[in-house]
Amino acid sequence: MTFILVLCLGAFAGCDTEDSPVHVDWDKREELRLEPQREALTYAYLPQYSHTVSYQRHNKLVEYLRRTTGLPIRQVYPDTFDEHIHMVAQGKIDISFSNPMVYAKIAEQFGARAFARIVEPNGRAQFRGQIICRRDNKAITSLADCRGKSWIAVDPYSAGGYLFDLGVFLEHGLTREDFSEIAFAPGPGGKQEKVALAVFAGRYDIGSIREGTLDIVKDTIDVDQLRILAHTPWYPGWVYAARKGLPDKTIAKIRQALLDLDLAHPRDQEILDRAGFKAIIPSSDADYEPVRALMRTIGVEGDA
């Protein structure tokens, strides 16, 4: 891209008023060239938390991948779950780190393929959701008490923050129509935090979040004022997926670098601790059949 910088040295004719004409000497000009941004692979963390948290959790990991693979990689920050999905569809996200529900969608619709998944800090390669309410809300002591109440969830595509929880309610005989309201956290990023804050503030009767969110917000609110009403079943964990068309050689390099991270190594421990992982293990599309079964049960298909 080229810009023209015009040098007007001594070329002004009458500068005593704002309306005076200005003579421009086009012989005295320089061309400035902006270097195009270096092409790089793009790495995106589904925005379950704020962009600040996404950066803090993953920038060391991205640096490690750049250093280890020799590939230019940069982290990008979609604002919403929907934007993340569409960026994968448009080829703007090469490496997607997402929940299994979003993975099922981008695999079904856009040809993304799983190649690794994480082990949670608790040692499980699965995760689950939580349904929360205020501790002092005496009207809610069981899932049945949620009938007629207002519910704030993370996002229509959130796994632990909505769809897992919806599955639990359906098992207990409550449908979407049994709630006075189902709202989703507004605005870009930080959606898990917003659910916890909204329930804490008493704006909604119940909320659904991914397990681990209360640790994220414990410095912001008194989480002891919240009560965990129920946990969802465990489902396969967050997944690394490559967009359709990403070369196999590139995927193999990234996959191996992720699998090589070792908690026993001090350098790797810092990377894993910041990301909130205990390890990264191999994965394939077949691992996510339980998630697809749940989606069919609750009436959410990959193309929803």
C-alpha atoms as a PDB file:
ATOM      1  CA  MET A   1       0.000   0.000   0.000  1.00  0.00           C
ATOM      2  CA  THR A   2       1.400   3.386  -0.967  1.00  0.00           C
ATOM      3  CA  PHE A   3       0.765   6.800   0.524  1.00  0.00           C
ATOM      4  CA  ILE A   4       1.956  10.116  -0.920  1.00  0.00           C
ATOM      5  CA  LEU A   5       3.581  12.510   1.529  1.00  0.00           C
ATOM      6  CA  VAL A   6       3.618  16.003   0.075  1.00  0.00           C
ATOM      7  CA  LEU A   7       6.279  18.405   1.262  1.00  0.00           C
ATOM      8  CA  CYS A   8       4.991  21.945   1.196  1.00  0.00           C
ATOM      9  CA  LEU A   9       8.218  23.653   2.240  1.00  0.00           C
ATOM     10  CA  GLY A  10       7.994  27.340   1.470  1.00  0.00           C
ATOM     11  CA  ALA A  11       5.161  26.779  -0.917  1.00  0.00           C
ATOM     12  CA  PHE A  12       2.336  28.485   0.880  1.00  0.00           C
ATOM     13  CA  ALA A  13       0.770  31.464  -0.687  1.00  0.00           C
ATOM     14  CA  GLY A  14      -0.927  33.538   2.001  1.00  0.00           C
ATOM     15  CA  CYS A  15      -1.313  31.760   5.342  1.00  0.00           C
ATOM     16  CA  ASP A  16      -2.896  34.569   7.289  1.00  0.00           C
ATOM     17  CA  THR A  17      -6.475  33.291   7.176  1.00  0.00           C
ATOM     18  CA  GLU A  18      -8.051  29.814   7.341  1.00  0.00           C
ATOM     19  CA  ASP A  19      -9.741  30.381   3.994  1.00  0.00           C
ATOM     20  CA  SER A  20      -6.597  31.366   2.116  1.00  0.00           C
ATOM     21  CA  PRO A  21      -5.716  29.092  -0.807  1.00  0.00           C
ATOM     22  CA  VAL A  22      -2.733  26.824  -0.327  1.00  0.00           C
ATOM     23  CA  HIS A  23      -0.318  26.105  -3.135  1.00  0.00           C
ATOM     24  CA  VAL A  24       1.010  22.558  -3.130  1.00  0.00           C
ATOM     25  CA  ASP A  25       4.273  21.816  -4.892  1.00  0.00           C
ATOM     26  CA  TRP A  26       3.784  18.303  -6.239  1.00  0.00           C
ATOM     27  CA  ASP A  27       7.443  18.122  -7.252  1.00  0.00           C
ATOM     28  CA  LYS A  28       8.406  17.803  -3.587  1.00  0.00           C
ATOM     29  CA  ARG A  29       6.859  14.568  -2.450  1.00  0.00           C
ATOM     30  CA  GLU A  30       7.944  11.221  -1.098  1.00  0.00           C
ATOM     31  CA  GLU A  31       6.289   7.855  -1.380  1.00  0.00           C
ATOM     32  CA  LEU A  32       5.786   6.002   1.899  1.00  0.00           C
ATOM     33  CA  ARG A  33       5.218   2.278   1.769  1.00  0.00           C
ATOM     34  CA  LEU A  34       3.475   0.382   4.544  1.00  0.00           C
ATOM     35  CA  GLU A  35       4.792  -3.122   4.810  1.00  0.00           C
ATOM     36  CA  PRO A  36       1.921  -5.618   4.527  1.00  0.00           C
ATOM     37  CA  GLN A  37       1.276  -7.659   7.652  1.00  0.00           C
ATOM     38  CA  ARG A  38       3.278 -10.854   7.482  1.00  0.00           C
ATOM     39  CA  GLU A  39       1.106 -13.781   6.663  1.00  0.00           C
ATOM     40  CA  ALA A  40       0.672 -16.057   9.625  1.00  0.00           C
ATOM     41  CA  LEU A  41      -1.423 -18.941  10.808  1.00  0.00           C
ATOM     42  CA  THR A  42      -4.258 -17.728  12.977  1.00  0.00           C
ATOM     43  CA  TYR A  43      -5.031 -19.254  16.368  1.00  0.00           C
ATOM     44  CA  ALA A  44      -8.319 -18.463  18.095  1.00  0.00           C
ATOM     45  CA  TYR A  45      -9.648 -19.346  21.518  1.00  0.00           C
ATOM     46  CA  LEU A  46     -13.461 -19.432  21.538  1.00  0.00           C
ATOM     47  CA  PRO A  47     -14.323 -16.269  23.535  1.00  0.00           C
ATOM     48  CA  GLN A  48     -15.779 -17.892  26.622  1.00  0.00           C
ATOM     49  CA  TYR A  49     -13.935 -15.327  28.752  1.00  0.00           C
ATOM     50  CA  SER A  50     -12.821 -11.742  28.095  1.00  0.00           C
ATOM     51  CA  HIS A  51     -10.170 -11.045  25.470  1.00  0.00           C
ATOM     52  CA  THR A  52      -7.798 -10.107  28.287  1.00  0.00           C
ATOM     53  CA  VAL A  53      -8.242 -13.518  29.883  1.00  0.00           C
ATOM     54  CA  SER A  54      -7.918 -15.202  26.467  1.00  0.00           C
ATOM     55  CA  TYR A  55      -4.616 -13.408  25.888  1.00  0.00           C
ATOM     56  CA  GLN A  56      -3.285 -14.071  29.358  1.00  0.00           C
ATOM     57  CA  ARG A  57      -4.134 -17.748  29.118  1.00  0.00           C
ATOM     58  CA  HIS A  58      -2.853 -18.443  25.623  1.00  0.00           C
ATOM     59  CA  ASN A  59      -0.149 -15.990  24.602  1.00  0.00           C
ATOM     60  CA  LYS A  60       2.643 -18.106  26.141  1.00  0.00           C
ATOM     61  CA  LEU A  61       1.277 -21.147  24.365  1.00  0.00           C
ATOM     62  CA  VAL A  62       1.185 -19.338  21.024  1.00  0.00           C
ATOM     63  CA  GLU A  63       4.756 -18.107  21.566  1.00  0.00           C
ATOM     64  CA  TYR A  64       5.779 -21.680  22.312  1.00  0.00           C
ATOM     65  CA  LEU A  65       4.139 -22.952  19.113  1.00  0.00           C
ATOM     66  CA  ARG A  66       5.900 -20.288  17.042  1.00  0.00           C
ATOM     67  CA  ARG A  67       9.257 -21.113  18.580  1.00  0.00           C
ATOM     68  CA  THR A  68       8.887 -24.877  18.421  1.00  0.00           C
ATOM     69  CA  THR A  69       7.335 -25.313  14.995  1.00  0.00           C
ATOM     70  CA  GLY A  70       9.048 -22.412  13.249  1.00  0.00           C
ATOM     71  CA  LEU A  71       5.647 -21.420  11.878  1.00  0.00           C
ATOM     72  CA  PRO A  72       4.394 -17.829  12.022  1.00  0.00           C
ATOM     73  CA  ILE A  73       1.354 -17.992  14.284  1.00  0.00           C
ATOM     74  CA  ARG A  74      -0.688 -15.166  15.773  1.00  0.00           C
ATOM     75  CA  GLN A  75      -3.646 -15.191  18.126  1.00  0.00           C
ATOM     76  CA  VAL A  76      -6.857 -13.593  16.872  1.00  0.00           C
ATOM     77  CA  TYR A  77      -9.854 -12.624  18.989  1.00  0.00           C
ATOM     78  CA  PRO A  78     -13.373 -13.176  17.685  1.00  0.00           C
ATOM     79  CA  ASP A  79     -15.890 -11.274  19.798  1.00  0.00           C
ATOM     80  CA  THR A  80     -18.585 -13.914  19.950  1.00  0.00           C
ATOM     81  CA  PHE A  81     -19.116 -17.633  19.541  1.00  0.00           C
ATOM     82  CA  ASP A  82     -20.971 -16.956  16.311  1.00  0.00           C
ATOM     83  CA  GLU A  83     -18.118 -14.853  14.964  1.00  0.00           C
ATOM     84  CA  HIS A  84     -15.650 -17.614  15.812  1.00  0.00           C
ATOM     85  CA  ILE A  85     -17.754 -20.081  13.817  1.00  0.00           C
ATOM     86  CA  HIS A  86     -18.033 -17.769  10.834  1.00  0.00           C
ATOM     87  CA  MET A  87     -14.301 -17.000  10.861  1.00  0.00           C
ATOM     88  CA  VAL A  88     -13.589 -20.731  10.643  1.00  0.00           C
ATOM     89  CA  ALA A  89     -16.038 -20.928   7.743  1.00  0.00           C
ATOM     90  CA  GLN A  90     -14.255 -18.058   5.982  1.00  0.00           C
ATOM     91  CA  GLY A  91     -10.805 -19.559   6.508  1.00  0.00           C
ATOM     92  CA  LYS A  92      -9.827 -16.739   8.882  1.00  0.00           C
ATOM     93  CA  ILE A  93      -9.094 -19.134  11.747  1.00  0.00           C
ATOM     94  CA  ASP A  94      -6.584 -21.860  10.975  1.00  0.00           C
ATOM     95  CA  ILE A  95      -6.395 -23.385  14.458  1.00  0.00           C
ATOM     96  CA  SER A  96      -9.581 -23.330  16.493  1.00  0.00           C
ATOM     97  CA  PHE A  97      -9.642 -24.044  20.208  1.00  0.00           C
ATOM     98  CA  SER A  98     -13.277 -24.479  21.108  1.00  0.00           C
ATOM     99  CA  ASN A  99     -15.828 -26.299  23.155  1.00  0.00           C
ATOM    100  CA  PRO A 100     -17.117 -29.602  21.713  1.00  0.00           C
ATOM    101  CA  MET A 101     -20.493 -28.162  20.661  1.00  0.00           C
ATOM    102  CA  VAL A 102     -18.872 -25.511  18.501  1.00  0.00           C
ATOM    103  CA  TYR A 103     -16.460 -28.126  17.216  1.00  0.00           C
ATOM    104  CA  ALA A 104     -19.354 -30.379  16.156  1.00  0.00           C
ATOM    105  CA  LYS A 105     -20.804 -27.484  14.182  1.00  0.00           C
ATOM    106  CA  ILE A 106     -17.612 -26.406  12.407  1.00  0.00           C
ATOM    107  CA  ALA A 107     -16.792 -30.045  11.645  1.00  0.00           C
ATOM    108  CA  GLU A 108     -20.236 -30.773  10.244  1.00  0.00           C
ATOM    109  CA  GLN A 109     -20.649 -27.595   8.255  1.00  0.00           C
ATOM    110  CA  PHE A 110     -17.159 -26.442   7.366  1.00  0.00           C
ATOM    111  CA  GLY A 111     -14.951 -29.521   7.395  1.00  0.00           C
ATOM    112  CA  ALA A 112     -12.848 -28.706  10.471  1.00  0.00           C
ATOM    113  CA  ARG A 113     -11.137 -31.736  11.999  1.00  0.00           C
ATOM    114  CA  ALA A 114     -10.083 -32.434  15.582  1.00  0.00           C
ATOM    115  CA  PHE A 115      -6.436 -33.279  16.220  1.00  0.00           C
ATOM    116  CA  ALA A 116      -5.917 -32.753  19.967  1.00  0.00           C
ATOM    117  CA  ARG A 117      -7.832 -32.050  23.142  1.00  0.00           C
ATOM    118  CA  ILE A 118      -6.954 -30.919  26.618  1.00  0.00           C
ATOM    119  CA  VAL A 119      -6.748 -32.527  30.019  1.00  0.00           C
ATOM    120  CA  GLU A 120      -8.329 -30.314  32.663  1.00  0.00           C
ATOM    121  CA  PRO A 121      -6.440 -29.289  35.825  1.00  0.00           C
ATOM    122  CA  ASN A 122      -8.407 -31.981  37.687  1.00  0.00           C
ATOM    123  CA  GLY A 123      -6.779 -34.624  35.497  1.00  0.00           C
ATOM    124  CA  ARG A 124      -9.882 -35.375  33.409  1.00  0.00           C
ATOM    125  CA  ALA A 125     -10.066 -35.192  29.627  1.00  0.00           C
ATOM    126  CA  GLN A 126     -13.712 -34.218  30.097  1.00  0.00           C
ATOM    127  CA  PHE A 127     -15.449 -31.194  31.568  1.00  0.00           C
ATOM    128  CA  ARG A 128     -18.934 -30.268  32.760  1.00  0.00           C
ATOM    129  CA  GLY A 129     -21.239 -27.387  33.484  1.00  0.00           C
ATOM    130  CA  GLN A 130     -22.764 -26.002  36.655  1.00  0.00           C
ATOM    131  CA  ILE A 131     -26.172 -24.523  37.398  1.00  0.00           C
ATOM    132  CA  ILE A 132     -25.895 -21.806  40.008  1.00  0.00           C
ATOM    133  CA  CYS A 133     -28.164 -19.561  42.056  1.00  0.00           C
ATOM    134  CA  ARG A 134     -27.681 -17.155  44.928  1.00  0.00           C
ATOM    135  CA  ARG A 135     -27.063 -18.891  48.244  1.00  0.00           C
ATOM    136  CA  ASP A 136     -29.775 -16.810  49.913  1.00  0.00           C
ATOM    137  CA  ASN A 137     -32.410 -17.705  47.300  1.00  0.00           C
ATOM    138  CA  LYS A 138     -34.612 -19.921  49.476  1.00  0.00           C
ATOM    139  CA  ALA A 139     -37.137 -20.445  46.667  1.00  0.00           C
ATOM    140  CA  ILE A 140     -34.688 -22.674  44.780  1.00  0.00           C
ATOM    141  CA  THR A 141     -33.442 -25.817  46.452  1.00  0.00           C
ATOM    142  CA  SER A 142     -33.793 -28.295  43.582  1.00  0.00           C
ATOM    143  CA  LEU A 143     -33.914 -28.373  39.786  1.00  0.00           C
ATOM    144  CA  ALA A 144     -37.700 -28.681  39.958  1.00  0.00           C
ATOM    145  CA  ASP A 145     -37.792 -25.306  41.725  1.00  0.00           C
ATOM    146  CA  CYS A 146     -36.323 -23.704  38.586  1.00  0.00           C
ATOM    147  CA  ARG A 147     -39.684 -23.985  36.833  1.00  0.00           C
ATOM    148  CA  GLY A 148     -41.001 -20.494  36.113  1.00  0.00           C
ATOM    149  CA  LYS A 149     -37.676 -18.870  37.020  1.00  0.00           C
ATOM    150  CA  SER A 150     -35.386 -16.686  34.911  1.00  0.00           C
ATOM    151  CA  TRP A 151     -32.228 -18.281  33.531  1.00  0.00           C
ATOM    152  CA  ILE A 152     -29.138 -16.588  32.150  1.00  0.00           C
ATOM    153  CA  ALA A 153     -26.819 -18.737  30.066  1.00  0.00           C
ATOM    154  CA  VAL A 154     -23.539 -18.055  28.326  1.00  0.00           C
ATOM    155  CA  ASP A 155     -24.358 -18.428  24.636  1.00  0.00           C
ATOM    156  CA  PRO A 156     -26.641 -20.581  22.485  1.00  0.00           C
ATOM    157  CA  TYR A 157     -23.496 -22.479  21.398  1.00  0.00           C
ATOM    158  CA  SER A 158     -21.971 -22.710  24.858  1.00  0.00           C
ATOM    159  CA  ALA A 159     -21.429 -26.291  26.020  1.00  0.00           C
ATOM    160  CA  GLY A 160     -20.935 -26.141  29.792  1.00  0.00           C
ATOM    161  CA  GLY A 161     -22.661 -22.764  29.909  1.00  0.00           C
ATOM    162  CA  TYR A 162     -25.924 -23.769  28.230  1.00  0.00           C
ATOM    163  CA  LEU A 163     -26.376 -26.957  26.205  1.00  0.00           C
ATOM    164  CA  PHE A 164     -25.096 -29.449  28.796  1.00  0.00           C
ATOM    165  CA  ASP A 165     -27.334 -27.710  31.330  1.00  0.00           C
ATOM    166  CA  LEU A 166     -30.322 -27.782  29.021  1.00  0.00           C
ATOM    167  CA  GLY A 167     -29.810 -31.532  28.748  1.00  0.00           C
ATOM    168  CA  VAL A 168     -29.963 -31.817  32.537  1.00  0.00           C
ATOM    169  CA  PHE A 169     -33.189 -29.841  32.702  1.00  0.00           C
ATOM    170  CA  LEU A 170     -34.760 -31.996  29.982  1.00  0.00           C
ATOM    171  CA  GLU A 171     -33.829 -35.113  31.954  1.00  0.00           C
ATOM    172  CA  HIS A 172     -35.686 -33.627  34.912  1.00  0.00           C
ATOM    173  CA  GLY A 173     -38.776 -32.795  32.871  1.00  0.00           C
ATOM    174  CA  LEU A 174     -38.197 -29.096  32.292  1.00  0.00           C
ATOM    175  CA  THR A 175     -38.248 -27.716  28.743  1.00  0.00           C
ATOM    176  CA  ARG A 176     -37.249 -24.266  27.503  1.00  0.00           C
ATOM    177  CA  GLU A 177     -40.868 -23.177  27.796  1.00  0.00           C
ATOM    178  CA  ASP A 178     -40.869 -23.892  31.538  1.00  0.00           C
ATOM    179  CA  PHE A 179     -38.649 -20.898  32.293  1.00  0.00           C
ATOM    180  CA  SER A 180     -39.996 -17.364  32.551  1.00  0.00           C
ATOM    181  CA  GLU A 181     -36.991 -16.230  30.507  1.00  0.00           C
ATOM    182  CA  ILE A 182     -33.824 -17.632  29.016  1.00  0.00           C
ATOM    183  CA  ALA A 183     -31.322 -14.856  28.377  1.00  0.00           C
ATOM    184  CA  PHE A 184     -27.788 -15.040  27.033  1.00  0.00           C
ATOM    185  CA  ALA A 185     -24.844 -13.007  28.268  1.00  0.00           C
ATOM    186  CA  PRO A 186     -24.666  -9.780  26.240  1.00  0.00           C
ATOM    187  CA  GLY A 187     -21.772  -8.233  24.367  1.00  0.00           C
ATOM    188  CA  PRO A 188     -18.439  -9.587  23.208  1.00  0.00           C
ATOM    189  CA  GLY A 189     -16.255 -11.881  25.323  1.00  0.00           C
ATOM    190  CA  GLY A 190     -16.408 -12.342  29.072  1.00  0.00           C
ATOM    191  CA  LYS A 191     -19.655 -14.236  28.822  1.00  0.00           C
ATOM    192  CA  GLN A 192     -18.949 -16.790  31.530  1.00  0.00           C
ATOM    193  CA  GLU A 193     -18.023 -14.004  33.921  1.00  0.00           C
ATOM    194  CA  LYS A 194     -21.170 -12.047  33.012  1.00  0.00           C
ATOM    195  CA  VAL A 195     -23.403 -14.986  33.916  1.00  0.00           C
ATOM    196  CA  ALA A 196     -21.817 -15.357  37.351  1.00  0.00           C
ATOM    197  CA  LEU A 197     -22.021 -11.593  37.939  1.00  0.00           C
ATOM    198  CA  ALA A 198     -25.673 -11.404  36.826  1.00  0.00           C
ATOM    199  CA  VAL A 199     -26.727 -14.147  39.241  1.00  0.00           C
ATOM    200  CA  PHE A 200     -24.639 -12.632  42.019  1.00  0.00           C
ATOM    201  CA  ALA A 201     -26.377  -9.293  41.417  1.00  0.00           C
ATOM    202  CA  GLY A 202     -29.785 -10.974  41.605  1.00  0.00           C
ATOM    203  CA  ARG A 203     -30.770 -10.033  38.047  1.00  0.00           C
ATOM    204  CA  TYR A 204     -31.600 -13.659  37.191  1.00  0.00           C
ATOM    205  CA  ASP A 205     -32.714 -16.548  39.392  1.00  0.00           C
ATOM    206  CA  ILE A 206     -30.296 -19.103  37.997  1.00  0.00           C
ATOM    207  CA  GLY A 207     -27.277 -19.186  35.715  1.00  0.00           C
ATOM    208  CA  SER A 208     -25.344 -21.869  33.856  1.00  0.00           C
ATOM    209  CA  ILE A 209     -21.573 -21.768  33.607  1.00  0.00           C
ATOM    210  CA  ARG A 210     -18.623 -23.951  32.791  1.00  0.00           C
ATOM    211  CA  GLU A 211     -17.019 -25.519  35.851  1.00  0.00           C
ATOM    212  CA  GLY A 212     -13.977 -23.411  36.686  1.00  0.00           C
ATOM    213  CA  THR A 213     -15.651 -20.069  36.062  1.00  0.00           C
ATOM    214  CA  LEU A 214     -16.082 -19.323  39.766  1.00  0.00           C
ATOM    215  CA  ASP A 215     -12.307 -19.457  40.146  1.00  0.00           C
ATOM    216  CA  ILE A 216     -12.021 -16.841  37.400  1.00  0.00           C
ATOM    217  CA  VAL A 217     -14.386 -14.396  39.147  1.00  0.00           C
ATOM    218  CA  LYS A 218     -13.403 -15.071  42.765  1.00  0.00           C
ATOM    219  CA  ASP A 219     -11.360 -11.850  42.889  1.00  0.00           C
ATOM    220  CA  THR A 220     -14.291  -9.839  41.543  1.00  0.00           C
ATOM    221  CA  ILE A 221     -17.215 -11.080  43.616  1.00  0.00           C
ATOM    222  CA  ASP A 222     -17.763 -13.064  46.796  1.00  0.00           C
ATOM    223  CA  VAL A 223     -18.397 -16.449  45.222  1.00  0.00           C
ATOM    224  CA  ASP A 224     -19.481 -17.797  48.609  1.00  0.00           C
ATOM    225  CA  GLN A 225     -22.721 -15.915  47.975  1.00  0.00           C
ATOM    226  CA  LEU A 226     -23.422 -18.320  45.099  1.00  0.00           C
ATOM    227  CA  ARG A 227     -24.615 -21.909  45.394  1.00  0.00           C
ATOM    228  CA  ILE A 228     -24.043 -24.724  42.911  1.00  0.00           C
ATOM    229  CA  LEU A 229     -27.451 -26.251  42.390  1.00  0.00           C
ATOM    230  CA  ALA A 230     -26.361 -29.040  40.050  1.00  0.00           C
ATOM    231  CA  HIS A 231     -23.551 -30.321  37.888  1.00  0.00           C
ATOM    232  CA  THR A 232     -24.015 -31.641  34.372  1.00  0.00           C
ATOM    233  CA  PRO A 233     -22.577 -35.003  33.241  1.00  0.00           C
ATOM    234  CA  TRP A 234     -19.006 -35.062  31.971  1.00  0.00           C
ATOM    235  CA  TYR A 235     -18.382 -34.626  28.227  1.00  0.00           C
ATOM    236  CA  PRO A 236     -15.243 -34.743  26.053  1.00  0.00           C
ATOM    237  CA  GLY A 237     -13.101 -31.705  26.641  1.00  0.00           C
ATOM    238  CA  TRP A 238     -12.154 -28.637  24.649  1.00  0.00           C
ATOM    239  CA  VAL A 239     -10.676 -29.460  21.324  1.00  0.00           C
ATOM    240  CA  TYR A 240      -8.060 -28.242  18.894  1.00  0.00           C
ATOM    241  CA  ALA A 241      -9.296 -28.390  15.315  1.00  0.00           C
ATOM    242  CA  ALA A 242      -7.758 -27.412  12.010  1.00  0.00           C
ATOM    243  CA  ARG A 243      -9.758 -25.639   9.351  1.00  0.00           C
ATOM    244  CA  LYS A 244     -10.550 -27.455   6.156  1.00  0.00           C
ATOM    245  CA  GLY A 245      -7.618 -27.293   3.763  1.00  0.00           C
ATOM    246  CA  LEU A 246      -4.856 -26.646   6.285  1.00  0.00           C
ATOM    247  CA  PRO A 247      -1.935 -28.802   5.067  1.00  0.00           C
ATOM    248  CA  ASP A 248      -1.429 -32.096   6.907  1.00  0.00           C
ATOM    249  CA  LYS A 249       2.242 -31.289   7.415  1.00  0.00           C
ATOM    250  CA  THR A 250       1.349 -28.060   9.216  1.00  0.00           C
ATOM    251  CA  ILE A 251      -1.237 -29.790  11.408  1.00  0.00           C
ATOM    252  CA  ALA A 252       1.253 -32.506  12.312  1.00  0.00           C
ATOM    253  CA  LYS A 253       3.844 -29.953  13.443  1.00  0.00           C
ATOM    254  CA  ILE A 254       1.372 -28.122  15.640  1.00  0.00           C
ATOM    255  CA  ARG A 255      -0.125 -31.311  17.015  1.00  0.00           C
ATOM    256  CA  GLN A 256       3.254 -32.731  17.976  1.00  0.00           C
ATOM    257  CA  ALA A 257       4.321 -29.503  19.665  1.00  0.00           C
ATOM    258  CA  LEU A 258       1.115 -29.514  21.732  1.00  0.00           C
ATOM    259  CA  LEU A 259       1.493 -33.169  22.679  1.00  0.00           C
ATOM    260  CA  ASP A 260       5.110 -32.560  23.725  1.00  0.00           C
ATOM    261  CA  LEU A 261       4.123 -30.123  26.476  1.00  0.00           C
ATOM    262  CA  ASP A 262       5.114 -31.768  29.729  1.00  0.00           C
ATOM    263  CA  LEU A 263       3.977 -30.581  33.147  1.00  0.00           C
ATOM    264  CA  ALA A 264       7.221 -31.934  34.639  1.00  0.00           C
ATOM    265  CA  HIS A 265       9.243 -29.426  32.605  1.00  0.00           C
ATOM    266  CA  PRO A 266       9.372 -25.997  34.334  1.00  0.00           C
ATOM    267  CA  ARG A 267       9.028 -24.079  31.061  1.00  0.00           C
ATOM    268  CA  ASP A 268       6.072 -26.168  29.956  1.00  0.00           C
ATOM    269  CA  GLN A 269       4.494 -26.023  33.401  1.00  0.00           C
ATOM    270  CA  GLU A 270       4.192 -22.242  33.150  1.00  0.00           C
ATOM    271  CA  ILE A 271       2.572 -22.528  29.719  1.00  0.00           C
ATOM    272  CA  LEU A 272       0.112 -25.198  30.818  1.00  0.00           C
ATOM    273  CA  ASP A 273      -0.724 -23.509  34.130  1.00  0.00           C
ATOM    274  CA  ARG A 274      -1.503 -20.219  32.399  1.00  0.00           C
ATOM    275  CA  ALA A 275      -3.674 -21.937  29.814  1.00  0.00           C
ATOM    276  CA  GLY A 276      -5.530 -23.870  32.517  1.00  0.00           C
ATOM    277  CA  PHE A 277      -4.518 -27.286  31.146  1.00  0.00           C
ATOM    278  CA  LYS A 278      -2.785 -30.239  32.707  1.00  0.00           C
ATOM    279  CA  ALA A 279      -1.806 -31.761  29.375  1.00  0.00           C
ATOM    280  CA  ILE A 280      -2.809 -32.026  25.732  1.00  0.00           C
ATOM    281  CA  ILE A 281      -3.596 -35.438  24.282  1.00  0.00           C
ATOM    282  CA  PRO A 282      -4.409 -36.819  20.818  1.00  0.00           C
ATOM    283  CA  SER A 283      -7.979 -36.589  19.627  1.00  0.00           C
ATOM    284  CA  SER A 284     -10.085 -37.362  16.607  1.00  0.00           C
ATOM    285  CA  ASP A 285     -13.556 -36.591  15.376  1.00  0.00           C
ATOM    286  CA  ALA A 286     -14.931 -39.858  16.816  1.00  0.00           C
ATOM    287  CA  ASP A 287     -14.290 -38.622  20.367  1.00  0.00           C
ATOM    288  CA  TYR A 288     -17.212 -36.232  19.999  1.00  0.00           C
ATOM    289  CA  GLU A 289     -20.008 -38.710  19.314  1.00  0.00           C
ATOM    290  CA  PRO A 290     -21.402 -38.300  22.882  1.00  0.00           C
ATOM    291  CA  VAL A 291     -21.703 -34.589  22.212  1.00  0.00           C
ATOM    292  CA  ARG A 292     -23.527 -35.170  18.948  1.00  0.00           C
ATOM    293  CA  ALA A 293     -25.886 -37.560  20.745  1.00  0.00           C
ATOM    294  CA  LEU A 294     -26.686 -34.852  23.284  1.00  0.00           C
ATOM    295  CA  MET A 295     -27.279 -32.326  20.502  1.00  0.00           C
ATOM    296  CA  ARG A 296     -29.804 -34.663  18.903  1.00  0.00           C
ATOM    297  CA  THR A 297     -31.524 -35.182  22.269  1.00  0.00           C
ATOM    298  CA  ILE A 298     -31.931 -31.508  22.975  1.00  0.00           C
ATOM    299  CA  GLY A 299     -32.806 -30.642  19.399  1.00  0.00           C
ATOM    300  CA  VAL A 300     -29.641 -28.783  18.466  1.00  0.00           C
ATOM    301  CA  GLU A 301     -28.047 -30.018  15.293  1.00  0.00           C
ATOM    302  CA  GLY A 302     -24.678 -29.172  13.881  1.00  0.00           C
ATOM    303  CA  ASP A 303     -26.274 -26.801  11.460  1.00  0.00           C
ATOM    304  CA  ALA A 304     -28.404 -25.073  14.138  1.00  0.00           C
END
